[in-house]
Amino acid sequence: MTHRFGLSLATALMFAVPVAACATPIPAAAQTAAAAPSVVWNAEILKRDPAWFASAEARAVADNVLKYQSAEGGWPKNMSLAIPPTGPISPGSTNTIDNQATTVPMAYLARVISANAEADTTAYRAAFDRGLDWLLAAQYPNGGWPQFYPLRGGYYDHITFNDDAMVRVLNLLREIESGRGPYGFVDAERRARAADATARGLDVILKTQIRKDGLLTVWCAQHDQVTLAPAWARRFEPPSYSGGESVGITRYLMSLPDPSPEVIAAVEGSVAWFRAHAIPGIRIESFTDAEGHRDRRVVQDASAGPQWARFYDLETGKPIFMGRESVAKASLAEIEQERRAGYSYYVDSAARLLDADYPAWKRRLG
């Protein structure tokens, strides 16, 4: 079953989260600029040759990863775990699934454990198990995940599709439940819990898909953890149809090996929405203005591939652009330079979804 959300932006503004909840920065752990890592820490590290994870260098990175794990079991975001912390890790930056936090450290430890079968990996396995237990505890009964756990209030508590956070969790849990690849060491009880979590995660994805005029569309970047309605995040991230995060959700649904009729309908509805809301003939150009400030503008270009807005109004279905004053504008040029230069209001990731992923999915279904 899906919910119908026809909330207009004007109505949604009445339910905006408080300014303080949106504007408070999250401090990072102390890391010195001089401590340049020999290994770049991001999701690309997981694509290294499996043999590398048995190296002394890989184990040294794993030792550093352990130092960043919180008492609760999660990891922090926005810092390199390849180098040791030079001071206490701020509680405000850890225990999150945002920006590849927790999921990448767990996937990394699993690869080190698998590649070092003859060595003592007890500490790595204990850290992985604590991380998995934290992920499972963080999930809401309805199947969604908040951005941080323990909960801290404000938009952080919403079900977080933003930046593919929840999709990354579900992909990791699916690998864990299978017991294949580097996850063969995970015990049967935890694999069973991971399977239950992925089933509930799929359920909430289907329930949060926005239905408009009887048709399935896409998702918001975050949904209220109780009502499941599209919800505010930061002051420039309103309840809306998401032209960005909905791509990752749709790809996740396409990756399911034996999709139900409900999953197939969800994919078809999303693909139809993306086709109907593509913006052809433009490209987004970065430039430096007369005062030396970085900026972005929309340029007409008939040869350019399609773009999609990050936000579409829930009532009209038209692209909207919003700065820090939380007022919807009809064009990128109407919001402040700081946001134009510092945030991506257009995305093109749906192009591959439509041109390659969807046809391949249809062929697989036969």
Protein backbone atom coordinates (compact mmCIF):
# COMPACT_ATOMS: atom_id res chain seq x y z
CA MET A 1 0.00 0.00 0.00
CA THR A 2 1.23 3.52 -0.73
CA HIS A 3 0.32 6.83 0.83
CA ARG A 4 -0.99 9.79 -1.12
CA PHE A 5 0.87 13.00 -0.34
CA GLY A 6 -0.46 16.05 -2.13
CA LEU A 7 0.94 18.64 0.26
CA SER A 8 1.59 21.98 -1.44
CA LEU A 9 4.79 23.83 -0.67
CA ALA A 10 2.87 26.68 0.94
CA THR A 11 1.23 24.21 3.31
CA ALA A 12 4.49 22.39 3.90
CA LEU A 13 6.17 25.59 5.03
CA MET A 14 3.84 25.62 8.00
CA PHE A 15 5.50 22.43 9.20
CA ALA A 16 9.10 23.41 8.59
CA VAL A 17 11.58 22.34 11.23
CA PRO A 18 12.94 25.10 13.49
CA VAL A 19 15.80 27.19 12.19
CA ALA A 20 18.07 26.10 15.01
CA ALA A 21 17.57 22.44 14.20
CA CYS A 22 18.58 23.01 10.57
CA ALA A 23 21.42 25.44 11.02
CA THR A 24 23.44 23.83 13.82
CA PRO A 25 26.71 22.50 12.38
CA ILE A 26 28.03 19.11 13.41
CA PRO A 27 31.64 19.30 14.63
CA ALA A 28 34.19 16.89 13.22
CA ALA A 29 36.90 14.98 15.03
CA ALA A 30 40.31 16.56 15.40
CA GLN A 31 42.52 15.68 12.44
CA THR A 32 45.67 17.53 11.55
CA ALA A 33 46.17 18.77 8.01
CA ALA A 34 49.77 17.57 8.17
CA ALA A 35 48.65 13.96 8.61
CA ALA A 36 48.06 13.30 4.92
CA PRO A 37 46.89 9.70 4.47
CA SER A 38 48.68 7.38 2.08
CA VAL A 39 45.29 5.75 1.46
CA VAL A 40 42.31 7.82 0.30
CA TRP A 41 39.29 7.00 2.45
CA ASN A 42 36.00 6.78 0.58
CA ALA A 43 33.80 4.08 -0.95
CA GLU A 44 36.34 3.55 -3.75
CA ILE A 45 38.64 1.83 -1.26
CA LEU A 46 36.25 -1.13 -1.28
CA LYS A 47 37.03 -1.73 -4.98
CA ARG A 48 40.71 -2.49 -4.39
CA ASP A 49 42.12 -5.85 -5.35
CA PRO A 50 41.07 -8.43 -2.72
CA ALA A 51 44.72 -9.35 -2.16
CA TRP A 52 45.48 -5.80 -0.96
CA PHE A 53 43.25 -6.27 2.08
CA ALA A 54 45.70 -8.86 3.38
CA SER A 55 48.55 -6.34 3.32
CA ALA A 56 50.12 -4.65 6.33
CA GLU A 57 48.94 -1.32 4.94
CA ALA A 58 45.33 -2.48 4.83
CA ARG A 59 45.50 -3.86 8.37
CA ALA A 60 47.01 -0.57 9.59
CA VAL A 61 44.03 1.28 8.11
CA ALA A 62 41.70 -1.21 9.79
CA ASP A 63 43.39 -0.48 13.12
CA ASN A 64 42.61 3.20 12.58
CA VAL A 65 38.99 2.40 11.67
CA LEU A 66 38.58 0.74 15.07
CA LYS A 67 39.69 3.92 16.81
CA TYR A 68 36.81 5.89 15.30
CA GLN A 69 34.03 3.52 16.36
CA SER A 70 31.78 4.93 19.06
CA ALA A 71 30.74 3.19 22.25
CA GLU A 72 27.33 2.62 20.68
CA GLY A 73 28.84 0.98 17.60
CA GLY A 74 28.51 3.59 14.82
CA TRP A 75 31.15 5.61 12.98
CA PRO A 76 31.53 9.35 12.22
CA LYS A 77 31.19 11.10 8.87
CA ASN A 78 33.26 13.64 6.95
CA MET A 79 36.73 12.51 7.98
CA SER A 80 39.39 10.12 6.80
CA LEU A 81 39.39 6.90 8.80
CA ALA A 82 42.68 5.96 7.14
CA ILE A 83 44.60 8.08 9.61
CA PRO A 84 44.37 7.93 13.42
CA PRO A 85 42.41 10.64 15.22
CA THR A 86 44.57 13.28 16.87
CA GLY A 87 42.03 14.11 19.55
CA PRO A 88 38.68 13.06 21.00
CA ILE A 89 35.98 12.33 18.45
CA SER A 90 33.05 14.68 18.89
CA PRO A 91 29.83 12.86 19.85
CA GLY A 92 28.03 15.20 17.46
CA SER A 93 29.73 13.72 14.39
CA THR A 94 29.40 10.01 15.00
CA ASN A 95 26.70 7.31 15.04
CA THR A 96 25.40 8.17 11.59
CA ILE A 97 24.66 6.60 8.20
CA ASP A 98 25.12 9.95 6.43
CA ASN A 99 27.88 10.50 3.86
CA GLN A 100 28.95 6.83 3.72
CA ALA A 101 29.55 6.69 7.48
CA THR A 102 29.27 3.28 9.21
CA THR A 103 28.45 1.33 6.03
CA VAL A 104 31.86 1.87 4.40
CA PRO A 105 33.81 1.14 7.63
CA MET A 106 31.85 -2.11 8.08
CA ALA A 107 32.35 -3.18 4.47
CA TYR A 108 36.06 -2.37 4.79
CA LEU A 109 36.50 -4.41 7.97
CA ALA A 110 34.68 -7.34 6.36
CA ARG A 111 37.18 -7.36 3.50
CA VAL A 112 40.14 -7.26 5.88
CA ILE A 113 38.65 -10.10 7.95
CA SER A 114 38.03 -12.22 4.85
CA ALA A 115 41.51 -11.60 3.42
CA ASN A 116 43.30 -12.47 6.68
CA ALA A 117 41.79 -15.87 7.46
CA GLU A 118 45.05 -17.14 8.95
CA ALA A 119 45.61 -14.09 11.17
CA ASP A 120 43.95 -13.00 14.40
CA THR A 121 41.01 -10.80 13.34
CA THR A 122 39.15 -10.97 16.64
CA ALA A 123 39.17 -7.21 17.18
CA TYR A 124 37.98 -6.52 13.65
CA ARG A 125 35.15 -9.06 13.95
CA ALA A 126 34.06 -7.63 17.29
CA ALA A 127 33.95 -4.11 15.79
CA PHE A 128 32.00 -5.34 12.76
CA ASP A 129 29.47 -7.15 14.96
CA ARG A 130 29.00 -4.04 17.11
CA GLY A 131 28.47 -1.97 14.00
CA LEU A 132 25.90 -4.42 12.66
CA ASP A 133 24.10 -4.52 15.99
CA TRP A 134 24.02 -0.71 15.95
CA LEU A 135 22.56 -0.61 12.43
CA LEU A 136 19.86 -3.09 13.36
CA ALA A 137 19.02 -1.22 16.58
CA ALA A 138 18.80 2.09 14.70
CA GLN A 139 16.04 0.87 12.37
CA TYR A 140 12.52 2.05 13.11
CA PRO A 141 9.84 -0.64 13.53
CA ASN A 142 8.32 0.59 10.26
CA GLY A 143 11.56 -0.21 8.42
CA GLY A 144 13.15 3.21 7.99
CA TRP A 145 16.47 4.53 9.30
CA PRO A 146 17.15 7.95 10.83
CA GLN A 147 20.27 9.87 9.93
CA PHE A 148 21.69 9.54 13.48
CA TYR A 149 21.11 7.06 16.29
CA PRO A 150 20.60 7.53 19.21
CA LEU A 151 17.99 10.02 18.02
CA ARG A 152 18.84 13.70 18.40
CA GLY A 153 15.66 15.46 17.27
CA GLY A 154 14.81 17.68 14.34
CA TYR A 155 15.15 16.52 10.75
CA TYR A 156 17.89 14.08 11.76
CA ASP A 157 15.16 11.73 12.98
CA HIS A 158 13.37 11.51 9.63
CA ILE A 159 13.63 8.42 7.47
CA THR A 160 16.71 9.37 5.48
CA PHE A 161 16.91 8.60 1.77
CA ASN A 162 19.02 11.74 1.38
CA ASP A 163 22.38 11.11 -0.32
CA ASP A 164 21.40 7.41 -0.66
CA ALA A 165 21.96 6.85 3.08
CA MET A 166 19.24 4.24 3.60
CA VAL A 167 19.89 2.56 0.25
CA ARG A 168 23.53 2.02 1.24
CA VAL A 169 22.39 0.41 4.49
CA LEU A 170 20.00 -1.92 2.66
CA ASN A 171 22.63 -2.93 0.11
CA LEU A 172 25.06 -3.77 2.90
CA LEU A 173 22.48 -5.77 4.84
CA ARG A 174 21.53 -7.73 1.73
CA GLU A 175 25.16 -8.74 1.28
CA ILE A 176 25.41 -9.69 4.93
CA GLU A 177 22.24 -11.80 4.91
CA SER A 178 23.52 -13.73 1.88
CA GLY A 179 26.68 -14.79 3.71
CA ARG A 180 28.56 -14.56 0.43
CA GLY A 181 31.76 -12.73 -0.47
CA PRO A 182 33.58 -11.24 2.50
CA TYR A 183 30.58 -11.76 4.83
CA GLY A 184 30.90 -15.51 5.33
CA PHE A 185 32.11 -14.97 8.90
CA VAL A 186 28.84 -13.36 10.07
CA ASP A 187 26.91 -15.69 12.36
CA ALA A 188 23.55 -17.14 11.35
CA GLU A 189 21.58 -15.20 13.96
CA ARG A 190 22.85 -11.84 12.71
CA ARG A 191 22.29 -12.84 9.10
CA ALA A 192 18.67 -13.67 9.94
CA ARG A 193 18.23 -10.29 11.63
CA ALA A 194 19.72 -8.59 8.59
CA ALA A 195 17.21 -10.40 6.36
CA ASP A 196 14.33 -9.21 8.52
CA ALA A 197 15.67 -5.64 8.41
CA THR A 198 15.92 -5.60 4.61
CA ALA A 199 12.35 -6.92 4.31
CA ARG A 200 11.05 -4.12 6.54
CA GLY A 201 13.19 -1.60 4.69
CA LEU A 202 11.60 -2.61 1.41
CA ASP A 203 8.16 -2.33 2.97
CA VAL A 204 8.72 1.28 4.02
CA ILE A 205 10.14 2.16 0.60
CA LEU A 206 6.91 0.99 -1.00
CA LYS A 207 4.80 2.80 1.58
CA THR A 208 6.62 6.12 1.21
CA GLN A 209 6.42 6.26 -2.59
CA ILE A 210 4.36 9.35 -3.32
CA ARG A 211 1.04 8.77 -5.08
CA LYS A 212 -0.39 11.69 -7.05
CA ASP A 213 -3.78 11.58 -8.75
CA GLY A 214 -3.81 7.82 -8.34
CA LEU A 215 -0.38 7.30 -9.91
CA LEU A 216 2.82 6.14 -8.27
CA THR A 217 5.60 8.72 -8.66
CA VAL A 218 8.90 8.97 -6.75
CA TRP A 219 10.09 9.77 -3.23
CA CYS A 220 11.16 12.72 -1.11
CA ALA A 221 14.73 12.82 0.17
CA GLN A 222 13.38 12.31 3.68
CA HIS A 223 10.04 11.18 5.08
CA ASP A 224 8.46 11.72 8.48
CA GLN A 225 9.27 8.75 10.68
CA VAL A 226 5.68 8.54 11.99
CA THR A 227 3.34 9.71 9.21
CA LEU A 228 5.69 8.69 6.35
CA ALA A 229 4.85 11.98 4.59
CA PRO A 230 7.53 13.96 2.71
CA ALA A 231 9.43 16.05 5.25
CA TRP A 232 11.78 18.99 5.60
CA ALA A 233 15.50 18.63 6.08
CA ARG A 234 17.62 21.80 5.99
CA ARG A 235 15.94 25.13 5.25
CA PHE A 236 16.72 24.81 1.54
CA GLU A 237 15.57 21.15 1.33
CA PRO A 238 11.76 21.21 1.33
CA PRO A 239 9.21 18.39 1.15
CA SER A 240 9.18 17.62 -2.55
CA TYR A 241 9.52 15.05 -5.27
CA SER A 242 13.22 14.21 -5.35
CA GLY A 243 14.88 14.17 -8.77
CA GLY A 244 18.07 12.87 -7.14
CA GLU A 245 17.54 10.42 -4.30
CA SER A 246 14.68 8.70 -6.13
CA VAL A 247 17.23 7.40 -8.64
CA GLY A 248 19.09 5.42 -5.98
CA ILE A 249 15.84 4.04 -4.54
CA THR A 250 14.66 2.94 -7.98
CA ARG A 251 17.99 1.26 -8.71
CA TYR A 252 17.72 -0.59 -5.41
CA LEU A 253 14.28 -1.89 -6.34
CA MET A 254 15.63 -2.96 -9.75
CA SER A 255 18.43 -4.90 -8.03
CA LEU A 256 16.02 -7.21 -6.18
CA PRO A 257 16.34 -10.71 -7.67
CA ASP A 258 12.67 -11.75 -7.61
CA PRO A 259 10.59 -8.56 -7.57
CA SER A 260 7.00 -8.72 -6.42
CA PRO A 261 4.19 -7.10 -8.42
CA GLU A 262 4.32 -4.21 -5.94
CA VAL A 263 8.04 -3.68 -6.58
CA ILE A 264 7.54 -3.84 -10.34
CA ALA A 265 4.73 -1.27 -10.10
CA ALA A 266 6.95 0.98 -7.97
CA VAL A 267 9.74 0.90 -10.57
CA GLU A 268 7.37 1.52 -13.47
CA GLY A 269 5.79 4.47 -11.65
CA SER A 270 9.15 6.01 -10.87
CA VAL A 271 10.47 5.58 -14.42
CA ALA A 272 7.31 7.16 -15.85
CA TRP A 273 7.72 10.12 -13.50
CA PHE A 274 11.37 10.63 -14.50
CA ARG A 275 10.47 10.54 -18.17
CA ALA A 276 7.72 13.11 -17.65
CA HIS A 277 9.91 15.49 -15.62
CA ALA A 278 13.15 15.54 -17.60
CA ILE A 279 14.43 19.03 -18.46
CA PRO A 280 16.04 18.97 -21.94
CA GLY A 281 18.26 21.50 -23.64
CA ILE A 282 20.13 22.95 -20.68
CA ARG A 283 23.48 22.55 -18.99
CA ILE A 284 24.71 23.86 -15.64
CA GLU A 285 27.79 26.04 -16.01
CA SER A 286 30.23 26.99 -13.26
CA PHE A 287 31.88 30.40 -13.55
CA THR A 288 33.57 33.15 -11.56
CA ASP A 289 31.62 36.39 -11.29
CA ALA A 290 33.00 39.93 -11.56
CA GLU A 291 33.75 40.00 -7.84
CA GLY A 292 35.73 36.76 -7.94
CA HIS A 293 33.02 34.56 -6.44
CA ARG A 294 32.28 31.05 -7.65
CA ASP A 295 28.79 30.75 -9.09
CA ARG A 296 26.57 28.57 -11.28
CA ARG A 297 24.06 29.37 -13.99
CA VAL A 298 21.74 27.57 -16.37
CA VAL A 299 22.78 27.79 -20.03
CA GLN A 300 20.56 26.85 -22.96
CA ASP A 301 22.24 24.07 -24.94
CA ALA A 302 20.24 21.98 -27.39
CA SER A 303 23.00 19.35 -27.52
CA ALA A 304 23.07 18.77 -23.76
CA GLY A 305 21.65 15.65 -22.15
CA PRO A 306 18.58 15.92 -19.91
CA GLN A 307 18.72 17.32 -16.39
CA TRP A 308 16.35 16.92 -13.47
CA ALA A 309 15.76 19.40 -10.66
CA ARG A 310 16.68 18.28 -7.17
CA PHE A 311 13.25 19.42 -5.94
CA TYR A 312 9.81 19.42 -7.58
CA ASP A 313 6.75 20.98 -5.95
CA LEU A 314 4.39 18.38 -4.50
CA GLU A 315 1.30 20.16 -5.80
CA THR A 316 2.31 21.53 -9.21
CA GLY A 317 5.08 19.08 -10.10
CA LYS A 318 7.25 21.99 -11.29
CA PRO A 319 10.94 22.45 -10.36
CA ILE A 320 11.54 24.64 -7.31
CA PHE A 321 14.71 26.25 -6.00
CA MET A 322 15.12 27.35 -2.42
CA GLY A 323 17.77 29.28 -0.53
CA ARG A 324 18.30 29.65 3.17
CA GLU A 325 15.25 31.88 3.56
CA SER A 326 13.02 28.87 2.65
CA VAL A 327 11.11 30.68 -0.09
CA ALA A 328 10.43 28.64 -3.23
CA LYS A 329 11.70 30.20 -6.47
CA ALA A 330 11.05 29.19 -10.05
CA SER A 331 14.68 29.36 -11.23
CA LEU A 332 18.22 28.84 -10.01
CA ALA A 333 19.08 32.48 -10.75
CA GLU A 334 16.60 33.69 -8.12
CA ILE A 335 18.33 32.19 -5.09
CA GLU A 336 21.41 33.55 -3.36
CA GLN A 337 24.89 33.08 -4.84
CA GLU A 338 26.14 31.20 -1.77
CA ARG A 339 23.59 28.41 -2.31
CA ARG A 340 23.92 28.39 -6.11
CA ALA A 341 27.64 27.77 -5.76
CA GLY A 342 27.47 25.52 -2.71
CA TYR A 343 24.63 23.12 -3.46
CA SER A 344 23.58 21.03 -6.47
CA TYR A 345 20.06 21.98 -7.54
CA TYR A 346 20.21 19.96 -10.77
CA VAL A 347 21.18 16.30 -11.25
CA ASP A 348 21.55 14.09 -14.32
CA SER A 349 21.79 10.63 -12.73
CA ALA A 350 18.33 9.65 -13.99
CA ALA A 351 19.64 9.66 -17.57
CA ARG A 352 21.54 6.40 -17.07
CA LEU A 353 18.62 5.00 -15.11
CA LEU A 354 16.34 5.49 -18.11
CA ASP A 355 18.80 4.74 -20.91
CA ALA A 356 20.64 1.71 -19.48
CA ASP A 357 19.41 0.43 -16.11
CA TYR A 358 15.71 0.28 -16.91
CA PRO A 359 16.07 -1.51 -20.27
CA ALA A 360 18.45 -4.04 -18.67
CA TRP A 361 15.95 -4.60 -15.86
CA LYS A 362 13.13 -5.16 -18.33
CA ARG A 363 15.24 -7.70 -20.22
CA ARG A 364 16.02 -9.53 -16.99
CA LEU A 365 12.34 -9.75 -16.15
CA GLY A 366 11.66 -11.17 -19.60
